[in-house]
Amino acid sequence: MTNKELIDISAVEITGNSVQERLACFIKTVKNPYCFRVKSTPVQLVFSDKAGAPAVENALVNIAIRRFK
């Protein structure tokens, strides 16, 4: 996927009252929550499968909460 094809999350407007609604809106808008861009910077999220690493769901919720307060 090229940089231009990635969704720029700095321009995304997230709606919803609950964390679940906001996360669903984020995923629906961004399409791929593991690969997007912030302005001109591409971002690819990679998670560890090592014991003690945070769950993917928790990491995505934390990103959405911090970004879209």
N, C-alpha and C. Protein backbone atom coordinates (compact mmCIF):
# COMPACT_ATOMS: atom_id res chain seq x y z
N MET A 1 0.85 -1.18 0.00
CA MET A 1 0.00 0.00 0.00
C MET A 1 0.89 1.24 0.00
N THR A 2 0.58 2.18 -0.84
CA THR A 2 1.39 3.39 -0.92
C THR A 2 0.98 4.38 0.17
N ASN A 3 1.86 5.34 0.43
CA ASN A 3 1.60 6.36 1.44
C ASN A 3 0.30 7.11 1.15
N LYS A 4 0.03 7.41 -0.11
CA LYS A 4 -1.19 8.14 -0.47
C LYS A 4 -2.45 7.33 -0.22
N GLU A 5 -2.35 6.00 -0.30
CA GLU A 5 -3.51 5.14 -0.07
C GLU A 5 -3.87 5.00 1.41
N LEU A 6 -2.91 5.28 2.28
CA LEU A 6 -3.16 5.17 3.72
C LEU A 6 -4.04 6.33 4.18
N ILE A 7 -4.93 6.05 5.13
CA ILE A 7 -5.80 7.08 5.69
C ILE A 7 -5.01 7.93 6.66
N ASP A 8 -5.11 9.25 6.52
CA ASP A 8 -4.45 10.19 7.43
C ASP A 8 -5.33 10.38 8.67
N ILE A 9 -4.90 9.82 9.81
CA ILE A 9 -5.75 9.90 11.00
C ILE A 9 -5.78 11.29 11.62
N SER A 10 -4.89 12.18 11.21
CA SER A 10 -4.95 13.53 11.74
C SER A 10 -6.16 14.29 11.19
N ALA A 11 -6.73 13.78 10.11
CA ALA A 11 -7.90 14.41 9.50
C ALA A 11 -9.20 13.64 9.78
N VAL A 12 -9.12 12.60 10.58
CA VAL A 12 -10.28 11.74 10.85
C VAL A 12 -11.09 12.30 12.01
N GLU A 13 -12.40 12.33 11.84
CA GLU A 13 -13.28 12.75 12.94
C GLU A 13 -13.98 11.51 13.48
N ILE A 14 -13.79 11.26 14.76
CA ILE A 14 -14.36 10.08 15.41
C ILE A 14 -15.55 10.50 16.24
N THR A 15 -16.65 9.77 16.09
CA THR A 15 -17.86 10.05 16.85
C THR A 15 -18.24 8.83 17.67
N GLY A 16 -19.05 9.04 18.67
CA GLY A 16 -19.52 7.96 19.52
C GLY A 16 -19.40 8.35 20.98
N ASN A 17 -20.25 7.77 21.80
CA ASN A 17 -20.24 8.08 23.23
C ASN A 17 -19.36 7.13 24.02
N SER A 18 -19.39 5.87 23.69
CA SER A 18 -18.61 4.88 24.45
C SER A 18 -17.28 4.60 23.74
N VAL A 19 -16.37 4.00 24.46
CA VAL A 19 -15.09 3.61 23.88
C VAL A 19 -15.33 2.66 22.71
N GLN A 20 -16.26 1.73 22.88
CA GLN A 20 -16.56 0.76 21.83
C GLN A 20 -17.07 1.45 20.57
N GLU A 21 -17.94 2.45 20.73
CA GLU A 21 -18.47 3.18 19.57
C GLU A 21 -17.37 3.97 18.87
N ARG A 22 -16.51 4.61 19.65
CA ARG A 22 -15.42 5.40 19.05
C ARG A 22 -14.42 4.49 18.34
N LEU A 23 -14.11 3.34 18.94
CA LEU A 23 -13.20 2.39 18.32
C LEU A 23 -13.79 1.84 17.03
N ALA A 24 -15.08 1.51 17.05
CA ALA A 24 -15.74 1.02 15.83
C ALA A 24 -15.72 2.08 14.74
N CYS A 25 -15.94 3.33 15.09
CA CYS A 25 -15.89 4.43 14.13
C CYS A 25 -14.48 4.58 13.57
N PHE A 26 -13.48 4.48 14.42
CA PHE A 26 -12.08 4.58 13.99
C PHE A 26 -11.76 3.48 12.98
N ILE A 27 -12.12 2.24 13.31
CA ILE A 27 -11.82 1.11 12.42
C ILE A 27 -12.57 1.24 11.11
N LYS A 28 -13.83 1.64 11.17
CA LYS A 28 -14.63 1.81 9.94
C LYS A 28 -14.02 2.89 9.05
N THR A 29 -13.54 3.97 9.64
CA THR A 29 -12.99 5.09 8.88
C THR A 29 -11.59 4.79 8.35
N VAL A 30 -10.74 4.23 9.18
CA VAL A 30 -9.35 4.00 8.83
C VAL A 30 -9.17 2.75 7.96
N LYS A 31 -10.11 1.83 8.05
CA LYS A 31 -10.09 0.56 7.32
C LYS A 31 -9.12 -0.45 7.92
N ASN A 32 -7.87 -0.07 8.05
CA ASN A 32 -6.86 -0.97 8.60
C ASN A 32 -6.20 -0.28 9.80
N PRO A 33 -6.61 -0.64 11.02
CA PRO A 33 -6.07 0.05 12.20
C PRO A 33 -4.59 -0.26 12.47
N TYR A 34 -4.00 -1.16 11.70
CA TYR A 34 -2.60 -1.49 11.87
C TYR A 34 -1.69 -0.74 10.89
N CYS A 35 -2.29 -0.05 9.92
CA CYS A 35 -1.49 0.63 8.91
C CYS A 35 -2.23 1.89 8.46
N PHE A 36 -1.69 3.04 8.81
CA PHE A 36 -2.31 4.32 8.50
C PHE A 36 -1.20 5.36 8.44
N ARG A 37 -1.55 6.60 8.29
CA ARG A 37 -0.52 7.64 8.35
C ARG A 37 -0.99 8.79 9.22
N VAL A 38 -0.02 9.55 9.73
CA VAL A 38 -0.27 10.77 10.47
C VAL A 38 0.42 11.87 9.67
N LYS A 39 -0.42 12.68 9.00
CA LYS A 39 0.06 13.67 8.02
C LYS A 39 0.82 12.93 6.94
N SER A 40 2.11 13.14 6.80
CA SER A 40 2.85 12.46 5.73
C SER A 40 3.65 11.25 6.23
N THR A 41 3.50 10.92 7.51
CA THR A 41 4.29 9.84 8.10
C THR A 41 3.48 8.54 8.14
N PRO A 42 3.92 7.50 7.42
CA PRO A 42 3.23 6.21 7.49
C PRO A 42 3.49 5.55 8.84
N VAL A 43 2.47 4.87 9.37
CA VAL A 43 2.57 4.18 10.65
C VAL A 43 2.09 2.74 10.45
N GLN A 44 2.91 1.79 10.91
CA GLN A 44 2.50 0.40 10.88
C GLN A 44 2.66 -0.14 12.30
N LEU A 45 1.57 -0.64 12.86
CA LEU A 45 1.59 -1.18 14.21
C LEU A 45 1.95 -2.67 14.15
N VAL A 46 2.88 -3.07 15.00
CA VAL A 46 3.30 -4.45 15.09
C VAL A 46 3.27 -4.81 16.57
N PHE A 47 2.72 -5.97 16.88
CA PHE A 47 2.58 -6.39 18.26
C PHE A 47 3.38 -7.65 18.53
N SER A 48 3.86 -7.75 19.73
CA SER A 48 4.65 -8.90 20.15
C SER A 48 3.75 -10.04 20.58
N ASP A 49 4.21 -11.26 20.34
CA ASP A 49 3.48 -12.42 20.84
C ASP A 49 4.13 -12.97 22.10
N LYS A 50 5.04 -12.19 22.69
CA LYS A 50 5.72 -12.60 23.91
C LYS A 50 4.79 -12.51 25.11
N ALA A 51 5.00 -13.37 26.08
CA ALA A 51 4.22 -13.36 27.31
C ALA A 51 4.38 -12.01 28.00
N GLY A 52 3.29 -11.47 28.49
CA GLY A 52 3.33 -10.21 29.21
C GLY A 52 3.14 -8.99 28.32
N ALA A 53 3.15 -9.18 27.01
CA ALA A 53 2.92 -8.06 26.09
C ALA A 53 1.44 -7.67 26.16
N PRO A 54 1.11 -6.38 25.99
CA PRO A 54 -0.29 -5.97 26.06
C PRO A 54 -1.11 -6.59 24.92
N ALA A 55 -2.38 -6.84 25.19
CA ALA A 55 -3.27 -7.38 24.18
C ALA A 55 -3.51 -6.34 23.08
N VAL A 56 -3.69 -6.80 21.86
CA VAL A 56 -3.94 -5.91 20.72
C VAL A 56 -5.14 -5.01 21.00
N GLU A 57 -6.20 -5.58 21.53
CA GLU A 57 -7.41 -4.81 21.80
C GLU A 57 -7.13 -3.67 22.76
N ASN A 58 -6.38 -3.94 23.81
CA ASN A 58 -6.05 -2.90 24.79
C ASN A 58 -5.19 -1.81 24.17
N ALA A 59 -4.23 -2.19 23.35
CA ALA A 59 -3.36 -1.20 22.71
C ALA A 59 -4.17 -0.30 21.77
N LEU A 60 -5.08 -0.87 20.99
CA LEU A 60 -5.88 -0.08 20.07
C LEU A 60 -6.83 0.85 20.81
N VAL A 61 -7.43 0.37 21.88
CA VAL A 61 -8.32 1.22 22.68
C VAL A 61 -7.52 2.39 23.26
N ASN A 62 -6.32 2.12 23.76
CA ASN A 62 -5.50 3.19 24.33
C ASN A 62 -5.12 4.22 23.28
N ILE A 63 -4.80 3.78 22.07
CA ILE A 63 -4.48 4.71 20.98
C ILE A 63 -5.70 5.58 20.68
N ALA A 64 -6.86 4.96 20.54
CA ALA A 64 -8.07 5.70 20.21
C ALA A 64 -8.43 6.70 21.32
N ILE A 65 -8.28 6.30 22.56
CA ILE A 65 -8.60 7.18 23.69
C ILE A 65 -7.67 8.40 23.69
N ARG A 66 -6.38 8.16 23.53
CA ARG A 66 -5.41 9.28 23.55
C ARG A 66 -5.60 10.20 22.35
N ARG A 67 -5.90 9.65 21.20
CA ARG A 67 -5.98 10.44 19.96
C ARG A 67 -7.30 11.23 19.88
N PHE A 68 -8.37 10.66 20.36
CA PHE A 68 -9.68 11.24 20.10
C PHE A 68 -10.44 11.63 21.38
N LYS A 69 -9.73 12.16 22.35
CA LYS A 69 -10.37 12.62 23.59
C LYS A 69 -11.29 13.79 23.30
